Amino acid sequence: MFNEGCLSIPEVREDVSRQPKITIEYQDENFTIHTETLEGLAARVFQHEYDHIEGILFTDKLSTLKKRIIKKKLENISKGKISADYRMRFPNAKKGK
């Protein structure tokens, strides 16, 4: 378990379980196949970012209880009722409503 957060979900951090070591295979711009093993923080970051590509957020990996606890924070974020130190875009949300 490791406390994880995301720029897409400001001010929310929760413990998430991820594989400590992963092996990935990919093709570069010349279609050459590479295989790499990532460990520790590099493995965690890769899994987090790959989840984004698959449409998964770290909050999707939380228990039902944890999701209930942070439900109001997530609703406020989705409505644009959040203050972040960086620019955010909110689909169909009007700030303050």
PDB file of N, CA and C in Angstrom:
ATOM      1  N   MET A   1       0.843  -1.182   0.000  1.00  0.00           N
ATOM      2  CA  MET A   1       0.000   0.000   0.000  1.00  0.00           C
ATOM      3  C   MET A   1       0.885   1.240   0.000  1.00  0.00           C
ATOM      4  N   PHE A   2       0.426   2.235  -0.707  1.00  0.00           N
ATOM      5  CA  PHE A   2       1.173   3.475  -0.830  1.00  0.00           C
ATOM      6  C   PHE A   2       0.160   4.589  -1.006  1.00  0.00           C
ATOM      7  N   ASN A   3       0.353   5.694  -0.315  1.00  0.00           N
ATOM      8  CA  ASN A   3      -0.561   6.824  -0.413  1.00  0.00           C
ATOM      9  C   ASN A   3      -0.393   7.473  -1.771  1.00  0.00           C
ATOM     10  N   GLU A   4      -1.485   7.536  -2.526  1.00  0.00           N
ATOM     11  CA  GLU A   4      -1.430   7.989  -3.900  1.00  0.00           C
ATOM     12  C   GLU A   4      -2.407   9.141  -4.115  1.00  0.00           C
ATOM     13  N   GLY A   5      -2.055  10.034  -5.023  1.00  0.00           N
ATOM     14  CA  GLY A   5      -2.920  11.136  -5.412  1.00  0.00           C
ATOM     15  C   GLY A   5      -2.830  11.333  -6.907  1.00  0.00           C
ATOM     16  N   CYS A   6      -3.532  12.360  -7.408  1.00  0.00           N
ATOM     17  CA  CYS A   6      -3.556  12.593  -8.844  1.00  0.00           C
ATOM     18  C   CYS A   6      -3.930  14.048  -9.105  1.00  0.00           C
ATOM     19  N   LEU A   7      -3.297  14.661 -10.086  1.00  0.00           N
ATOM     20  CA  LEU A   7      -3.640  16.039 -10.442  1.00  0.00           C
ATOM     21  C   LEU A   7      -5.087  16.158 -10.895  1.00  0.00           C
ATOM     22  N   SER A   8      -5.655  15.085 -11.407  1.00  0.00           N
ATOM     23  CA  SER A   8      -7.050  15.098 -11.849  1.00  0.00           C
ATOM     24  C   SER A   8      -8.034  15.141 -10.682  1.00  0.00           C
ATOM     25  N   ILE A   9      -7.553  14.795  -9.496  1.00  0.00           N
ATOM     26  CA  ILE A   9      -8.415  14.734  -8.312  1.00  0.00           C
ATOM     27  C   ILE A   9      -7.708  15.461  -7.165  1.00  0.00           C
ATOM     28  N   PRO A  10      -7.688  16.797  -7.217  1.00  0.00           N
ATOM     29  CA  PRO A  10      -6.939  17.554  -6.208  1.00  0.00           C
ATOM     30  C   PRO A  10      -7.450  17.347  -4.788  1.00  0.00           C
ATOM     31  N   GLU A  11      -6.516  17.378  -3.857  1.00  0.00           N
ATOM     32  CA  GLU A  11      -6.795  17.306  -2.418  1.00  0.00           C
ATOM     33  C   GLU A  11      -7.350  15.964  -1.960  1.00  0.00           C
ATOM     34  N   VAL A  12      -7.232  14.935  -2.791  1.00  0.00           N
ATOM     35  CA  VAL A  12      -7.658  13.594  -2.406  1.00  0.00           C
ATOM     36  C   VAL A  12      -6.450  12.673  -2.511  1.00  0.00           C
ATOM     37  N   ARG A  13      -6.129  12.021  -1.415  1.00  0.00           N
ATOM     38  CA  ARG A  13      -5.029  11.050  -1.381  1.00  0.00           C
ATOM     39  C   ARG A  13      -5.518   9.854  -0.581  1.00  0.00           C
ATOM     40  N   GLU A  14      -5.238   8.669  -1.086  1.00  0.00           N
ATOM     41  CA  GLU A  14      -5.646   7.446  -0.397  1.00  0.00           C
ATOM     42  C   GLU A  14      -4.613   6.356  -0.652  1.00  0.00           C
ATOM     43  N   ASP A  15      -4.602   5.357   0.217  1.00  0.00           N
ATOM     44  CA  ASP A  15      -3.708   4.224   0.051  1.00  0.00           C
ATOM     45  C   ASP A  15      -4.224   3.322  -1.073  1.00  0.00           C
ATOM     46  N   VAL A  16      -3.332   3.000  -2.013  1.00  0.00           N
ATOM     47  CA  VAL A  16      -3.677   2.153  -3.153  1.00  0.00           C
ATOM     48  C   VAL A  16      -2.645   1.032  -3.251  1.00  0.00           C
ATOM     49  N   SER A  17      -3.124  -0.167  -3.493  1.00  0.00           N
ATOM     50  CA  SER A  17      -2.242  -1.312  -3.649  1.00  0.00           C
ATOM     51  C   SER A  17      -1.904  -1.483  -5.130  1.00  0.00           C
ATOM     52  N   ARG A  18      -0.618  -1.581  -5.435  1.00  0.00           N
ATOM     53  CA  ARG A  18      -0.154  -1.814  -6.805  1.00  0.00           C
ATOM     54  C   ARG A  18       0.982  -2.820  -6.766  1.00  0.00           C
ATOM     55  N   GLN A  19       1.261  -3.421  -7.900  1.00  0.00           N
ATOM     56  CA  GLN A  19       2.359  -4.378  -7.995  1.00  0.00           C
ATOM     57  C   GLN A  19       3.692  -3.646  -7.797  1.00  0.00           C
ATOM     58  N   PRO A  20       4.580  -4.151  -6.945  1.00  0.00           N
ATOM     59  CA  PRO A  20       5.859  -3.479  -6.709  1.00  0.00           C
ATOM     60  C   PRO A  20       6.863  -3.646  -7.849  1.00  0.00           C
ATOM     61  N   LYS A  21       6.618  -4.654  -8.696  1.00  0.00           N
ATOM     62  CA  LYS A  21       7.531  -4.925  -9.800  1.00  0.00           C
ATOM     63  C   LYS A  21       6.699  -5.370 -11.000  1.00  0.00           C
ATOM     64  N   ILE A  22       6.950  -4.750 -12.163  1.00  0.00           N
ATOM     65  CA  ILE A  22       6.218  -5.113 -13.373  1.00  0.00           C
ATOM     66  C   ILE A  22       7.183  -5.243 -14.542  1.00  0.00           C
ATOM     67  N   THR A  23       6.818  -6.048 -15.506  1.00  0.00           N
ATOM     68  CA  THR A  23       7.578  -6.157 -16.745  1.00  0.00           C
ATOM     69  C   THR A  23       6.670  -5.683 -17.871  1.00  0.00           C
ATOM     70  N   ILE A  24       7.187  -4.754 -18.672  1.00  0.00           N
ATOM     71  CA  ILE A  24       6.404  -4.195 -19.774  1.00  0.00           C
ATOM     72  C   ILE A  24       7.090  -4.488 -21.098  1.00  0.00           C
ATOM     73  N   GLU A  25       6.289  -4.588 -22.124  1.00  0.00           N
ATOM     74  CA  GLU A  25       6.817  -4.771 -23.475  1.00  0.00           C
ATOM     75  C   GLU A  25       6.165  -3.692 -24.338  1.00  0.00           C
ATOM     76  N   TYR A  26       6.968  -3.029 -25.126  1.00  0.00           N
ATOM     77  CA  TYR A  26       6.456  -1.954 -25.970  1.00  0.00           C
ATOM     78  C   TYR A  26       7.275  -1.849 -27.243  1.00  0.00           C
ATOM     79  N   GLN A  27       6.721  -1.112 -28.214  1.00  0.00           N
ATOM     80  CA  GLN A  27       7.426  -0.837 -29.463  1.00  0.00           C
ATOM     81  C   GLN A  27       7.798   0.634 -29.515  1.00  0.00           C
ATOM     82  N   ASP A  28       8.999   0.926 -29.987  1.00  0.00           N
ATOM     83  CA  ASP A  28       9.410   2.319 -30.145  1.00  0.00           C
ATOM     84  C   ASP A  28       8.942   2.841 -31.507  1.00  0.00           C
ATOM     85  N   GLU A  29       9.364   4.052 -31.842  1.00  0.00           N
ATOM     86  CA  GLU A  29       8.925   4.689 -33.085  1.00  0.00           C
ATOM     87  C   GLU A  29       9.400   3.944 -34.339  1.00  0.00           C
ATOM     88  N   ASN A  30      10.380   3.065 -34.200  1.00  0.00           N
ATOM     89  CA  ASN A  30      10.874   2.253 -35.325  1.00  0.00           C
ATOM     90  C   ASN A  30      10.301   0.840 -35.294  1.00  0.00           C
ATOM     91  N   PHE A  31       9.318   0.621 -34.433  1.00  0.00           N
ATOM     92  CA  PHE A  31       8.648  -0.668 -34.267  1.00  0.00           C
ATOM     93  C   PHE A  31       9.570  -1.751 -33.710  1.00  0.00           C
ATOM     94  N   THR A  32      10.646  -1.326 -33.057  1.00  0.00           N
ATOM     95  CA  THR A  32      11.529  -2.263 -32.374  1.00  0.00           C
ATOM     96  C   THR A  32      10.890  -2.602 -31.029  1.00  0.00           C
ATOM     97  N   ILE A  33      10.817  -3.881 -30.724  1.00  0.00           N
ATOM     98  CA  ILE A  33      10.203  -4.323 -29.471  1.00  0.00           C
ATOM     99  C   ILE A  33      11.226  -4.264 -28.351  1.00  0.00           C
ATOM    100  N   HIS A  34      10.802  -3.705 -27.222  1.00  0.00           N
ATOM    101  CA  HIS A  34      11.639  -3.609 -26.022  1.00  0.00           C
ATOM    102  C   HIS A  34      10.898  -4.244 -24.857  1.00  0.00           C
ATOM    103  N   THR A  35      11.645  -4.817 -23.949  1.00  0.00           N
ATOM    104  CA  THR A  35      11.087  -5.348 -22.705  1.00  0.00           C
ATOM    105  C   THR A  35      11.872  -4.735 -21.555  1.00  0.00           C
ATOM    106  N   GLU A  36      11.135  -4.196 -20.578  1.00  0.00           N
ATOM    107  CA  GLU A  36      11.776  -3.586 -19.402  1.00  0.00           C
ATOM    108  C   GLU A  36      11.065  -4.039 -18.140  1.00  0.00           C
ATOM    109  N   THR A  37      11.828  -4.130 -17.080  1.00  0.00           N
ATOM    110  CA  THR A  37      11.257  -4.402 -15.766  1.00  0.00           C
ATOM    111  C   THR A  37      11.394  -3.141 -14.934  1.00  0.00           C
ATOM    112  N   LEU A  38      10.276  -2.727 -14.357  1.00  0.00           N
ATOM    113  CA  LEU A  38      10.250  -1.536 -13.505  1.00  0.00           C
ATOM    114  C   LEU A  38       9.943  -1.958 -12.081  1.00  0.00           C
ATOM    115  N   GLU A  39      10.579  -1.281 -11.128  1.00  0.00           N
ATOM    116  CA  GLU A  39      10.358  -1.585  -9.707  1.00  0.00           C
ATOM    117  C   GLU A  39      10.111  -0.309  -8.934  1.00  0.00           C
ATOM    118  N   GLY A  40       9.522  -0.451  -7.763  1.00  0.00           N
ATOM    119  CA  GLY A  40       9.346   0.668  -6.850  1.00  0.00           C
ATOM    120  C   GLY A  40       8.497   1.783  -7.432  1.00  0.00           C
ATOM    121  N   LEU A  41       8.970   3.020  -7.250  1.00  0.00           N
ATOM    122  CA  LEU A  41       8.209   4.195  -7.675  1.00  0.00           C
ATOM    123  C   LEU A  41       7.974   4.200  -9.188  1.00  0.00           C
ATOM    124  N   ALA A  42       8.962   3.789  -9.976  1.00  0.00           N
ATOM    125  CA  ALA A  42       8.794   3.754 -11.434  1.00  0.00           C
ATOM    126  C   ALA A  42       7.655   2.809 -11.824  1.00  0.00           C
ATOM    127  N   ALA A  43       7.564   1.655 -11.171  1.00  0.00           N
ATOM    128  CA  ALA A  43       6.479   0.706 -11.449  1.00  0.00           C
ATOM    129  C   ALA A  43       5.131   1.297 -11.052  1.00  0.00           C
ATOM    130  N   ARG A  44       5.093   1.962  -9.917  1.00  0.00           N
ATOM    131  CA  ARG A  44       3.854   2.585  -9.436  1.00  0.00           C
ATOM    132  C   ARG A  44       3.387   3.680 -10.385  1.00  0.00           C
ATOM    133  N   VAL A  45       4.278   4.558 -10.794  1.00  0.00           N
ATOM    134  CA  VAL A  45       3.924   5.655 -11.691  1.00  0.00           C
ATOM    135  C   VAL A  45       3.444   5.104 -13.033  1.00  0.00           C
ATOM    136  N   PHE A  46       4.143   4.107 -13.559  1.00  0.00           N
ATOM    137  CA  PHE A  46       3.733   3.512 -14.835  1.00  0.00           C
ATOM    138  C   PHE A  46       2.318   2.954 -14.728  1.00  0.00           C
ATOM    139  N   GLN A  47       2.026   2.215 -13.665  1.00  0.00           N
ATOM    140  CA  GLN A  47       0.697   1.631 -13.490  1.00  0.00           C
ATOM    141  C   GLN A  47      -0.378   2.709 -13.357  1.00  0.00           C
ATOM    142  N   HIS A  48      -0.060   3.771 -12.611  1.00  0.00           N
ATOM    143  CA  HIS A  48      -0.999   4.885 -12.431  1.00  0.00           C
ATOM    144  C   HIS A  48      -1.325   5.516 -13.786  1.00  0.00           C
ATOM    145  N   GLU A  49      -0.297   5.822 -14.563  1.00  0.00           N
ATOM    146  CA  GLU A  49      -0.497   6.487 -15.858  1.00  0.00           C
ATOM    147  C   GLU A  49      -1.142   5.549 -16.881  1.00  0.00           C
ATOM    148  N   TYR A  50      -0.782   4.282 -16.863  1.00  0.00           N
ATOM    149  CA  TYR A  50      -1.413   3.320 -17.766  1.00  0.00           C
ATOM    150  C   TYR A  50      -2.899   3.193 -17.447  1.00  0.00           C
ATOM    151  N   ASP A  51      -3.230   3.204 -16.159  1.00  0.00           N
ATOM    152  CA  ASP A  51      -4.642   3.184 -15.764  1.00  0.00           C
ATOM    153  C   ASP A  51      -5.393   4.356 -16.405  1.00  0.00           C
ATOM    154  N   HIS A  52      -4.786   5.541 -16.448  1.00  0.00           N
ATOM    155  CA  HIS A  52      -5.428   6.690 -17.094  1.00  0.00           C
ATOM    156  C   HIS A  52      -5.769   6.372 -18.548  1.00  0.00           C
ATOM    157  N   ILE A  53      -4.850   5.759 -19.254  1.00  0.00           N
ATOM    158  CA  ILE A  53      -5.095   5.388 -20.652  1.00  0.00           C
ATOM    159  C   ILE A  53      -6.296   4.449 -20.753  1.00  0.00           C
ATOM    160  N   GLU A  54      -6.457   3.595 -19.764  1.00  0.00           N
ATOM    161  CA  GLU A  54      -7.562   2.636 -19.737  1.00  0.00           C
ATOM    162  C   GLU A  54      -8.842   3.231 -19.141  1.00  0.00           C
ATOM    163  N   GLY A  55      -8.798   4.518 -18.759  1.00  0.00           N
ATOM    164  CA  GLY A  55      -9.985   5.174 -18.194  1.00  0.00           C
ATOM    165  C   GLY A  55     -10.210   4.870 -16.728  1.00  0.00           C
ATOM    166  N   ILE A  56      -9.156   4.488 -16.032  1.00  0.00           N
ATOM    167  CA  ILE A  56      -9.245   4.126 -14.611  1.00  0.00           C
ATOM    168  C   ILE A  56      -8.524   5.184 -13.780  1.00  0.00           C
ATOM    169  N   LEU A  57      -9.174   5.649 -12.714  1.00  0.00           N
ATOM    170  CA  LEU A  57      -8.548   6.563 -11.761  1.00  0.00           C
ATOM    171  C   LEU A  57      -8.197   5.789 -10.497  1.00  0.00           C
ATOM    172  N   PHE A  58      -7.266   6.309  -9.725  1.00  0.00           N
ATOM    173  CA  PHE A  58      -6.864   5.581  -8.507  1.00  0.00           C
ATOM    174  C   PHE A  58      -8.041   5.400  -7.558  1.00  0.00           C
ATOM    175  N   THR A  59      -9.011   6.302  -7.600  1.00  0.00           N
ATOM    176  CA  THR A  59     -10.189   6.182  -6.732  1.00  0.00           C
ATOM    177  C   THR A  59     -11.041   4.966  -7.104  1.00  0.00           C
ATOM    178  N   ASP A  60     -10.934   4.506  -8.345  1.00  0.00           N
ATOM    179  CA  ASP A  60     -11.670   3.306  -8.755  1.00  0.00           C
ATOM    180  C   ASP A  60     -11.142   2.065  -8.048  1.00  0.00           C
ATOM    181  N   LYS A  61      -9.952   2.139  -7.507  1.00  0.00           N
ATOM    182  CA  LYS A  61      -9.324   0.995  -6.841  1.00  0.00           C
ATOM    183  C   LYS A  61      -9.595   0.972  -5.333  1.00  0.00           C
ATOM    184  N   LEU A  62     -10.348   1.967  -4.847  1.00  0.00           N
ATOM    185  CA  LEU A  62     -10.628   2.060  -3.416  1.00  0.00           C
ATOM    186  C   LEU A  62     -11.795   1.168  -3.018  1.00  0.00           C
ATOM    187  N   SER A  63     -11.826   0.811  -1.737  1.00  0.00           N
ATOM    188  CA  SER A  63     -12.936   0.019  -1.208  1.00  0.00           C
ATOM    189  C   SER A  63     -14.215   0.863  -1.228  1.00  0.00           C
ATOM    190  N   THR A  64     -15.342   0.198  -1.150  1.00  0.00           N
ATOM    191  CA  THR A  64     -16.641   0.888  -1.131  1.00  0.00           C
ATOM    192  C   THR A  64     -16.703   1.867   0.042  1.00  0.00           C
ATOM    193  N   LEU A  65     -16.183   1.471   1.190  1.00  0.00           N
ATOM    194  CA  LEU A  65     -16.189   2.341   2.370  1.00  0.00           C
ATOM    195  C   LEU A  65     -15.375   3.605   2.111  1.00  0.00           C
ATOM    196  N   LYS A  66     -14.166   3.449   1.582  1.00  0.00           N
ATOM    197  CA  LYS A  66     -13.312   4.616   1.293  1.00  0.00           C
ATOM    198  C   LYS A  66     -13.998   5.538   0.286  1.00  0.00           C
ATOM    199  N   LYS A  67     -14.647   4.954  -0.726  1.00  0.00           N
ATOM    200  CA  LYS A  67     -15.354   5.765  -1.721  1.00  0.00           C
ATOM    201  C   LYS A  67     -16.479   6.562  -1.068  1.00  0.00           C
ATOM    202  N   ARG A  68     -17.192   5.947  -0.139  1.00  0.00           N
ATOM    203  CA  ARG A  68     -18.259   6.659   0.568  1.00  0.00           C
ATOM    204  C   ARG A  68     -17.698   7.823   1.380  1.00  0.00           C
ATOM    205  N   ILE A  69     -16.545   7.608   1.995  1.00  0.00           N
ATOM    206  CA  ILE A  69     -15.927   8.639   2.834  1.00  0.00           C
ATOM    207  C   ILE A  69     -15.523   9.869   2.015  1.00  0.00           C
ATOM    208  N   ILE A  70     -15.047   9.651   0.797  1.00  0.00           N
ATOM    209  CA  ILE A  70     -14.582  10.781  -0.025  1.00  0.00           C
ATOM    210  C   ILE A  70     -15.629  11.235  -1.052  1.00  0.00           C
ATOM    211  N   LYS A  71     -16.829  10.681  -0.994  1.00  0.00           N
ATOM    212  CA  LYS A  71     -17.873  10.965  -1.988  1.00  0.00           C
ATOM    213  C   LYS A  71     -18.126  12.460  -2.162  1.00  0.00           C
ATOM    214  N   LYS A  72     -18.271  13.195  -1.070  1.00  0.00           N
ATOM    215  CA  LYS A  72     -18.579  14.631  -1.155  1.00  0.00           C
ATOM    216  C   LYS A  72     -17.439  15.392  -1.826  1.00  0.00           C
ATOM    217  N   LYS A  73     -16.189  15.052  -1.496  1.00  0.00           N
ATOM    218  CA  LYS A  73     -15.046  15.699  -2.151  1.00  0.00           C
ATOM    219  C   LYS A  73     -15.077  15.460  -3.655  1.00  0.00           C
ATOM    220  N   LEU A  74     -15.368  14.224  -4.050  1.00  0.00           N
ATOM    221  CA  LEU A  74     -15.408  13.887  -5.472  1.00  0.00           C
ATOM    222  C   LEU A  74     -16.547  14.611  -6.182  1.00  0.00           C
ATOM    223  N   GLU A  75     -17.688  14.731  -5.518  1.00  0.00           N
ATOM    224  CA  GLU A  75     -18.814  15.470  -6.106  1.00  0.00           C
ATOM    225  C   GLU A  75     -18.442  16.938  -6.309  1.00  0.00           C
ATOM    226  N   ASN A  76     -17.797  17.533  -5.319  1.00  0.00           N
ATOM    227  CA  ASN A  76     -17.383  18.935  -5.440  1.00  0.00           C
ATOM    228  C   ASN A  76     -16.387  19.136  -6.574  1.00  0.00           C
ATOM    229  N   ILE A  77     -15.460  18.211  -6.736  1.00  0.00           N
ATOM    230  CA  ILE A  77     -14.489  18.302  -7.825  1.00  0.00           C
ATOM    231  C   ILE A  77     -15.217  18.233  -9.158  1.00  0.00           C
ATOM    232  N   SER A  78     -16.151  17.289  -9.299  1.00  0.00           N
ATOM    233  CA  SER A  78     -16.862  17.127 -10.573  1.00  0.00           C
ATOM    234  C   SER A  78     -17.730  18.337 -10.901  1.00  0.00           C
ATOM    235  N   LYS A  79     -18.126  19.094  -9.884  1.00  0.00           N
ATOM    236  CA  LYS A  79     -18.936  20.300 -10.099  1.00  0.00           C
ATOM    237  C   LYS A  79     -18.081  21.560 -10.247  1.00  0.00           C
ATOM    238  N   GLY A  80     -16.761  21.402 -10.146  1.00  0.00           N
ATOM    239  CA  GLY A  80     -15.875  22.558 -10.274  1.00  0.00           C
ATOM    240  C   GLY A  80     -15.726  23.347  -8.986  1.00  0.00           C
ATOM    241  N   LYS A  81     -16.199  22.801  -7.892  1.00  0.00           N
ATOM    242  CA  LYS A  81     -16.096  23.474  -6.589  1.00  0.00           C
ATOM    243  C   LYS A  81     -14.807  23.049  -5.908  1.00  0.00           C
ATOM    244  N   ILE A  82     -13.702  23.470  -6.487  1.00  0.00           N
ATOM    245  CA  ILE A  82     -12.389  23.078  -5.979  1.00  0.00           C
ATOM    246  C   ILE A  82     -11.392  24.176  -6.271  1.00  0.00           C
ATOM    247  N   SER A  83     -10.431  24.302  -5.416  1.00  0.00           N
ATOM    248  CA  SER A  83      -9.361  25.270  -5.629  1.00  0.00           C
ATOM    249  C   SER A  83      -8.055  24.493  -5.767  1.00  0.00           C
ATOM    250  N   ALA A  84      -7.443  24.621  -6.932  1.00  0.00           N
ATOM    251  CA  ALA A  84      -6.171  23.929  -7.174  1.00  0.00           C
ATOM    252  C   ALA A  84      -5.116  24.961  -7.543  1.00  0.00           C
ATOM    253  N   ASP A  85      -3.862  24.621  -7.329  1.00  0.00           N
ATOM    254  CA  ASP A  85      -2.753  25.519  -7.657  1.00  0.00           C
ATOM    255  C   ASP A  85      -2.403  25.466  -9.144  1.00  0.00           C
ATOM    256  N   TYR A  86      -3.228  24.835  -9.927  1.00  0.00           N
ATOM    257  CA  TYR A  86      -3.008  24.701 -11.357  1.00  0.00           C
ATOM    258  C   TYR A  86      -4.362  24.775 -12.061  1.00  0.00           C
ATOM    259  N   ARG A  87      -4.329  25.050 -13.348  1.00  0.00           N
ATOM    260  CA  ARG A  87      -5.545  25.206 -14.129  1.00  0.00           C
ATOM    261  C   ARG A  87      -6.236  23.857 -14.317  1.00  0.00           C
ATOM    262  N   MET A  88      -7.544  23.861 -14.147  1.00  0.00           N
ATOM    263  CA  MET A  88      -8.329  22.638 -14.330  1.00  0.00           C
ATOM    264  C   MET A  88      -9.477  22.919 -15.279  1.00  0.00           C
ATOM    265  N   ARG A  89      -9.943  21.882 -15.957  1.00  0.00           N
ATOM    266  CA  ARG A  89     -11.106  21.985 -16.834  1.00  0.00           C
ATOM    267  C   ARG A  89     -12.196  21.089 -16.259  1.00  0.00           C
ATOM    268  N   PHE A  90     -13.408  21.614 -16.255  1.00  0.00           N
ATOM    269  CA  PHE A  90     -14.539  20.876 -15.719  1.00  0.00           C
ATOM    270  C   PHE A  90     -15.622  20.763 -16.782  1.00  0.00           C
ATOM    271  N   PRO A  91     -15.955  19.558 -17.193  1.00  0.00           N
ATOM    272  CA  PRO A  91     -16.991  19.396 -18.221  1.00  0.00           C
ATOM    273  C   PRO A  91     -18.358  19.840 -17.696  1.00  0.00           C
ATOM    274  N   ASN A  92     -18.968  20.770 -18.392  1.00  0.00           N
ATOM    275  CA  ASN A  92     -20.315  21.241 -18.075  1.00  0.00           C
ATOM    276  C   ASN A  92     -20.499  21.678 -16.631  1.00  0.00           C
ATOM    277  N   ALA A  93     -19.450  22.175 -16.005  1.00  0.00           N
ATOM    278  CA  ALA A  93     -19.557  22.649 -14.620  1.00  0.00           C
ATOM    279  C   ALA A  93     -19.383  24.157 -14.591  1.00  0.00           C
ATOM    280  N   LYS A  94     -20.175  24.789 -13.765  1.00  0.00           N
ATOM    281  CA  LYS A  94     -20.044  26.223 -13.576  1.00  0.00           C
ATOM    282  C   LYS A  94     -19.494  26.445 -12.182  1.00  0.00           C
ATOM    283  N   LYS A  95     -18.390  27.140 -12.114  1.00  0.00           N
ATOM    284  CA  LYS A  95     -17.709  27.372 -10.837  1.00  0.00           C
ATOM    285  C   LYS A  95     -18.680  27.988  -9.831  1.00  0.00           C
ATOM    286  N   GLY A  96     -18.713  27.420  -8.636  1.00  0.00           N
ATOM    287  CA  GLY A  96     -19.519  27.956  -7.551  1.00  0.00           C
ATOM    288  C   GLY A  96     -20.937  27.441  -7.530  1.00  0.00           C
ATOM    289  N   LYS A  97     -21.343  26.640  -8.502  1.00  0.00           N
ATOM    290  CA  LYS A  97     -22.714  26.125  -8.512  1.00  0.00           C
ATOM    291  C   LYS A  97     -22.748  24.677  -8.135  1.00  0.00           C
TER     292      LYS A  97
END
